[in-house]
């Protein structure tokens, strides 16, 4: 059994939000690798790299594949939100021993634009050319969409660590039927490992 867990963060995040998971699993004897997506190793107070806006899900997947191939064993791949969708893509490339998907973003073929999702991303979607610009949710939208179960003090602490995300990645996930590159497509028949999905 693999003793390596490769953790992929989601939008606006970074490896910092895996810290409690890392502490838990390291106590159980696992080696934990919390990766950082391309252009996400930045100070939240700084302006985002211009290249972030046009960074594709395919770019993230390419980087992650190279990182995983350098490991000495096939890892358990754990991903949250967009990271969960990336984990599925990597799983379809036979790069995982097991997959753990925490509230994963939907791959191509699943229409996930529910009223609550549209409300969460409304500030982004109304910006001209949002698909080629970096973006960050306002505090109010972040609380509505993901931080609402936390105490207010913790909401503010977590939000202060958020960074910008790729507009192209948002478009590829939310409007997959318009993406000629099929960046978020997952061939589920190629996933040949156990999969655990947790959401709710």
Foldseek 3Di string as FASTA:
>chain_A
DAQEEEEEEDAQAFLVVCVVVCVVSVVVVGHYHTDGFPQRPDQQVDDGDLQQQQDALLRRLVVVLVVLVPDPDQEAYEYEACGLLSQLQCLLVVRHQEYEYEPYQDFPPDQPPDVLNCVLCVVQVPDVPSSRGWDDGDLVSCCSPPVVVDPPVVSVVVSSSGHTGHSNHVCCRNVVVPDPVSSSDGDNVSRDHYYHYHYD
